[in-house]
Amino acid sequence: MILYAVNLLMAMIWAAITGSASLHNLIFGFCLSALILGLIREQVNGVGYITRSLRFLSLLGMFFIELAKSAWKVTVMVLSPKMDLKPGIFAFPLTVTRDFEITLLANLITLTPGTLSVDVSEDGKTLFVHALDCADPDGARRDIADGFERKIRETFE
């Protein structure tokens, strides 16, 4: 995580040196500093920095896709003449173990319409999720495990 901060700092230094804080110049500075950090990765103990950055971008892209899909589903549910909803809370067994991974997963679930992270068990092994339509809790568990949780594990392994 420290390399991300270094990368952002280097991008800001790039913008200061060039005298332009435009978005495309900041993005160019960020990419340039990522390339530099990739070249000196052994010296800064960041062997998988670029790979991890690409995985993080993949996680971010997946979040936006899931956000759009779930917003559409909720819109269809709300606008349908017969709202046949079965709201409920289900327990999701966690495979991520670190606190920031659990927090990130809970936030991603909460930010997608139709779901809300309610609580985490004391031992940190179960996340309780409220779903607007909980007709298929096993399917919801599978979607979370194969989606957000898998991407988080890939990104921060």
C-alpha atoms as a PDB file:
ATOM      1  CA  MET A   1       0.000   0.000   0.000  1.00  0.00           C
ATOM      2  CA  ILE A   2       2.904   2.360   0.629  1.00  0.00           C
ATOM      3  CA  LEU A   3       3.861   2.129  -3.041  1.00  0.00           C
ATOM      4  CA  TYR A   4       0.467   3.546  -4.017  1.00  0.00           C
ATOM      5  CA  ALA A   5       1.159   6.568  -1.834  1.00  0.00           C
ATOM      6  CA  VAL A   6       4.621   6.918  -3.364  1.00  0.00           C
ATOM      7  CA  ASN A   7       3.087   6.635  -6.830  1.00  0.00           C
ATOM      8  CA  LEU A   8       0.549   9.375  -6.064  1.00  0.00           C
ATOM      9  CA  LEU A   9       3.270  11.580  -4.576  1.00  0.00           C
ATOM     10  CA  MET A  10       5.436  11.106  -7.654  1.00  0.00           C
ATOM     11  CA  ALA A  11       2.480  11.992  -9.893  1.00  0.00           C
ATOM     12  CA  MET A  12       1.913  15.205  -7.922  1.00  0.00           C
ATOM     13  CA  ILE A  13       5.618  16.031  -8.146  1.00  0.00           C
ATOM     14  CA  TRP A  14       5.386  15.471 -11.896  1.00  0.00           C
ATOM     15  CA  ALA A  15       2.477  17.905 -12.092  1.00  0.00           C
ATOM     16  CA  ALA A  16       4.408  20.471 -10.029  1.00  0.00           C
ATOM     17  CA  ILE A  17       7.522  20.161 -12.191  1.00  0.00           C
ATOM     18  CA  THR A  18       5.628  20.429 -15.470  1.00  0.00           C
ATOM     19  CA  GLY A  19       3.465  23.267 -14.136  1.00  0.00           C
ATOM     20  CA  SER A  20       0.208  21.665 -15.254  1.00  0.00           C
ATOM     21  CA  ALA A  21      -2.259  20.045 -12.881  1.00  0.00           C
ATOM     22  CA  SER A  22      -4.664  18.991 -15.616  1.00  0.00           C
ATOM     23  CA  LEU A  23      -6.280  15.584 -15.360  1.00  0.00           C
ATOM     24  CA  HIS A  24      -4.463  14.103 -18.342  1.00  0.00           C
ATOM     25  CA  ASN A  25      -1.103  15.357 -17.026  1.00  0.00           C
ATOM     26  CA  LEU A  26      -1.784  13.835 -13.590  1.00  0.00           C
ATOM     27  CA  ILE A  27      -2.751  10.533 -15.215  1.00  0.00           C
ATOM     28  CA  PHE A  28       0.392  10.632 -17.336  1.00  0.00           C
ATOM     29  CA  GLY A  29       2.472  11.354 -14.227  1.00  0.00           C
ATOM     30  CA  PHE A  30       0.795   8.490 -12.379  1.00  0.00           C
ATOM     31  CA  CYS A  31       1.485   6.076 -15.264  1.00  0.00           C
ATOM     32  CA  LEU A  32       5.061   7.313 -15.592  1.00  0.00           C
ATOM     33  CA  SER A  33       5.734   6.874 -11.881  1.00  0.00           C
ATOM     34  CA  ALA A  34       4.095   3.414 -11.965  1.00  0.00           C
ATOM     35  CA  LEU A  35       6.472   2.472 -14.769  1.00  0.00           C
ATOM     36  CA  ILE A  36       9.441   3.772 -12.772  1.00  0.00           C
ATOM     37  CA  LEU A  37       8.333   1.877  -9.667  1.00  0.00           C
ATOM     38  CA  GLY A  38       7.910  -1.214 -11.837  1.00  0.00           C
ATOM     39  CA  LEU A  39      11.467  -0.876 -13.141  1.00  0.00           C
ATOM     40  CA  ILE A  40      12.981  -0.549  -9.667  1.00  0.00           C
ATOM     41  CA  ARG A  41      10.581  -3.000  -8.016  1.00  0.00           C
ATOM     42  CA  GLU A  42      13.295  -5.228  -6.530  1.00  0.00           C
ATOM     43  CA  GLN A  43      14.948  -2.274  -4.804  1.00  0.00           C
ATOM     44  CA  VAL A  44      11.685  -1.048  -3.258  1.00  0.00           C
ATOM     45  CA  ASN A  45      10.363  -4.525  -2.408  1.00  0.00           C
ATOM     46  CA  GLY A  46       7.343  -4.173  -4.676  1.00  0.00           C
ATOM     47  CA  VAL A  47       7.673  -7.135  -6.989  1.00  0.00           C
ATOM     48  CA  GLY A  48       4.004  -7.271  -7.983  1.00  0.00           C
ATOM     49  CA  TYR A  49       3.192  -3.565  -7.941  1.00  0.00           C
ATOM     50  CA  ILE A  50       2.017  -3.222 -11.542  1.00  0.00           C
ATOM     51  CA  THR A  51       0.163  -6.539 -11.432  1.00  0.00           C
ATOM     52  CA  ARG A  52      -1.539  -5.504  -8.200  1.00  0.00           C
ATOM     53  CA  SER A  53      -2.434  -2.121  -9.720  1.00  0.00           C
ATOM     54  CA  LEU A  54      -4.046  -3.823 -12.707  1.00  0.00           C
ATOM     55  CA  ARG A  55      -5.928  -6.172 -10.388  1.00  0.00           C
ATOM     56  CA  PHE A  56      -7.158  -3.198  -8.362  1.00  0.00           C
ATOM     57  CA  LEU A  57      -8.388  -1.523 -11.556  1.00  0.00           C
ATOM     58  CA  SER A  58     -10.129  -4.798 -12.431  1.00  0.00           C
ATOM     59  CA  LEU A  59     -11.831  -4.793  -9.009  1.00  0.00           C
ATOM     60  CA  LEU A  60     -12.890  -1.187  -9.520  1.00  0.00           C
ATOM     61  CA  GLY A  61     -14.276  -1.977 -12.984  1.00  0.00           C
ATOM     62  CA  MET A  62     -16.157  -4.969 -11.625  1.00  0.00           C
ATOM     63  CA  PHE A  63     -17.654  -2.787  -8.895  1.00  0.00           C
ATOM     64  CA  PHE A  64     -18.987  -0.294 -11.445  1.00  0.00           C
ATOM     65  CA  ILE A  65     -20.466  -3.090 -13.560  1.00  0.00           C
ATOM     66  CA  GLU A  66     -22.121  -4.663 -10.497  1.00  0.00           C
ATOM     67  CA  LEU A  67     -23.333  -1.226  -9.425  1.00  0.00           C
ATOM     68  CA  ALA A  68     -25.059  -0.702 -12.771  1.00  0.00           C
ATOM     69  CA  LYS A  69     -26.543  -4.222 -12.826  1.00  0.00           C
ATOM     70  CA  SER A  70     -27.908  -4.037  -9.293  1.00  0.00           C
ATOM     71  CA  ALA A  71     -29.251  -0.510  -9.828  1.00  0.00           C
ATOM     72  CA  TRP A  72     -31.132  -1.818 -12.856  1.00  0.00           C
ATOM     73  CA  LYS A  73     -32.504  -4.802 -10.893  1.00  0.00           C
ATOM     74  CA  VAL A  74     -33.705  -2.575  -8.051  1.00  0.00           C
ATOM     75  CA  THR A  75     -35.285  -0.145 -10.526  1.00  0.00           C
ATOM     76  CA  VAL A  76     -37.179  -2.985 -12.200  1.00  0.00           C
ATOM     77  CA  MET A  77     -38.282  -4.337  -8.797  1.00  0.00           C
ATOM     78  CA  VAL A  78     -39.532  -0.961  -7.597  1.00  0.00           C
ATOM     79  CA  LEU A  79     -41.322  -0.044 -10.823  1.00  0.00           C
ATOM     80  CA  SER A  80     -43.018  -3.392 -11.282  1.00  0.00           C
ATOM     81  CA  PRO A  81     -46.776  -3.274 -10.524  1.00  0.00           C
ATOM     82  CA  LYS A  82     -46.553  -6.282  -8.222  1.00  0.00           C
ATOM     83  CA  MET A  83     -43.612  -6.024  -5.861  1.00  0.00           C
ATOM     84  CA  ASP A  84     -43.097  -9.648  -4.923  1.00  0.00           C
ATOM     85  CA  LEU A  85     -40.093  -9.099  -2.668  1.00  0.00           C
ATOM     86  CA  LYS A  86     -38.729 -11.406  -0.042  1.00  0.00           C
ATOM     87  CA  PRO A  87     -36.338  -9.262   2.011  1.00  0.00           C
ATOM     88  CA  GLY A  88     -34.093 -11.008   4.472  1.00  0.00           C
ATOM     89  CA  ILE A  89     -30.740 -11.297   6.158  1.00  0.00           C
ATOM     90  CA  PHE A  90     -28.323 -14.096   5.311  1.00  0.00           C
ATOM     91  CA  ALA A  91     -24.973 -15.129   6.729  1.00  0.00           C
ATOM     92  CA  PHE A  92     -22.031 -15.007   4.349  1.00  0.00           C
ATOM     93  CA  PRO A  93     -18.982 -17.097   5.375  1.00  0.00           C
ATOM     94  CA  LEU A  94     -15.849 -15.032   4.791  1.00  0.00           C
ATOM     95  CA  THR A  95     -12.684 -16.333   3.204  1.00  0.00           C
ATOM     96  CA  VAL A  96     -10.935 -12.956   3.415  1.00  0.00           C
ATOM     97  CA  THR A  97      -9.208 -12.632   6.768  1.00  0.00           C
ATOM     98  CA  ARG A  98      -7.622  -9.197   7.131  1.00  0.00           C
ATOM     99  CA  ASP A  99      -9.663  -6.361   8.604  1.00  0.00           C
ATOM    100  CA  PHE A 100      -9.244  -4.031   5.629  1.00  0.00           C
ATOM    101  CA  GLU A 101     -10.349  -6.791   3.228  1.00  0.00           C
ATOM    102  CA  ILE A 102     -13.460  -7.474   5.308  1.00  0.00           C
ATOM    103  CA  THR A 103     -14.176  -3.738   5.490  1.00  0.00           C
ATOM    104  CA  LEU A 104     -13.693  -3.334   1.736  1.00  0.00           C
ATOM    105  CA  LEU A 105     -16.000  -6.269   1.017  1.00  0.00           C
ATOM    106  CA  ALA A 106     -18.658  -4.953   3.404  1.00  0.00           C
ATOM    107  CA  ASN A 107     -18.464  -1.491   1.813  1.00  0.00           C
ATOM    108  CA  LEU A 108     -18.688  -2.848  -1.740  1.00  0.00           C
ATOM    109  CA  ILE A 109     -21.753  -4.880  -0.761  1.00  0.00           C
ATOM    110  CA  THR A 110     -23.346  -1.873   0.937  1.00  0.00           C
ATOM    111  CA  LEU A 111     -22.653   0.447  -1.985  1.00  0.00           C
ATOM    112  CA  THR A 112     -24.473  -1.794  -4.458  1.00  0.00           C
ATOM    113  CA  PRO A 113     -28.235  -1.150  -4.446  1.00  0.00           C
ATOM    114  CA  GLY A 114     -30.397  -3.857  -2.948  1.00  0.00           C
ATOM    115  CA  THR A 115     -27.867  -5.139  -0.410  1.00  0.00           C
ATOM    116  CA  LEU A 116     -26.557  -3.871   2.908  1.00  0.00           C
ATOM    117  CA  SER A 117     -23.825  -5.232   5.160  1.00  0.00           C
ATOM    118  CA  VAL A 118     -25.340  -5.415   8.617  1.00  0.00           C
ATOM    119  CA  ASP A 119     -22.677  -6.878  10.897  1.00  0.00           C
ATOM    120  CA  VAL A 120     -19.545  -8.993  11.144  1.00  0.00           C
ATOM    121  CA  SER A 121     -19.332 -11.805  13.658  1.00  0.00           C
ATOM    122  CA  GLU A 122     -17.001 -11.429  16.642  1.00  0.00           C
ATOM    123  CA  ASP A 123     -14.543 -13.951  15.198  1.00  0.00           C
ATOM    124  CA  GLY A 124     -14.515 -12.175  11.806  1.00  0.00           C
ATOM    125  CA  LYS A 125     -15.560 -15.271   9.885  1.00  0.00           C
ATOM    126  CA  THR A 126     -19.144 -14.337   8.987  1.00  0.00           C
ATOM    127  CA  LEU A 127     -20.655 -11.256   7.380  1.00  0.00           C
ATOM    128  CA  PHE A 128     -24.377 -10.681   7.769  1.00  0.00           C
ATOM    129  CA  VAL A 129     -25.990  -9.147   4.690  1.00  0.00           C
ATOM    130  CA  HIS A 130     -29.502  -7.765   4.235  1.00  0.00           C
ATOM    131  CA  ALA A 131     -30.892  -8.249   0.742  1.00  0.00           C
ATOM    132  CA  LEU A 132     -33.931  -6.520  -0.710  1.00  0.00           C
ATOM    133  CA  ASP A 133     -34.874  -9.774  -2.422  1.00  0.00           C
ATOM    134  CA  CYS A 134     -33.532 -12.749  -0.511  1.00  0.00           C
ATOM    135  CA  ALA A 135     -35.507 -15.432  -2.363  1.00  0.00           C
ATOM    136  CA  ASP A 136     -32.237 -17.238  -3.234  1.00  0.00           C
ATOM    137  CA  PRO A 137     -29.696 -16.696  -0.414  1.00  0.00           C
ATOM    138  CA  ASP A 138     -27.397 -19.417  -1.768  1.00  0.00           C
ATOM    139  CA  GLY A 139     -27.256 -17.634  -5.114  1.00  0.00           C
ATOM    140  CA  ALA A 140     -26.491 -14.348  -3.376  1.00  0.00           C
ATOM    141  CA  ARG A 141     -23.689 -16.004  -1.385  1.00  0.00           C
ATOM    142  CA  ARG A 142     -22.293 -17.509  -4.583  1.00  0.00           C
ATOM    143  CA  ASP A 143     -22.434 -14.135  -6.374  1.00  0.00           C
ATOM    144  CA  ILE A 144     -20.536 -12.411  -3.570  1.00  0.00           C
ATOM    145  CA  ALA A 145     -17.964 -15.207  -3.238  1.00  0.00           C
ATOM    146  CA  ASP A 146     -17.328 -15.479  -6.986  1.00  0.00           C
ATOM    147  CA  GLY A 147     -17.426 -11.723  -7.490  1.00  0.00           C
ATOM    148  CA  PHE A 148     -16.246  -9.193  -4.944  1.00  0.00           C
ATOM    149  CA  GLU A 149     -14.564 -11.576  -2.519  1.00  0.00           C
ATOM    150  CA  ARG A 150     -12.577 -13.376  -5.223  1.00  0.00           C
ATOM    151  CA  LYS A 151     -11.406 -10.077  -6.723  1.00  0.00           C
ATOM    152  CA  ILE A 152     -10.398  -8.755  -3.305  1.00  0.00           C
ATOM    153  CA  ARG A 153      -8.365 -11.913  -2.610  1.00  0.00           C
ATOM    154  CA  GLU A 154      -6.680 -11.649  -6.030  1.00  0.00           C
ATOM    155  CA  THR A 155      -5.878  -7.980  -5.540  1.00  0.00           C
ATOM    156  CA  PHE A 156      -4.465  -8.129  -2.016  1.00  0.00           C
ATOM    157  CA  GLU A 157      -2.888 -11.600  -1.851  1.00  0.00           C
END
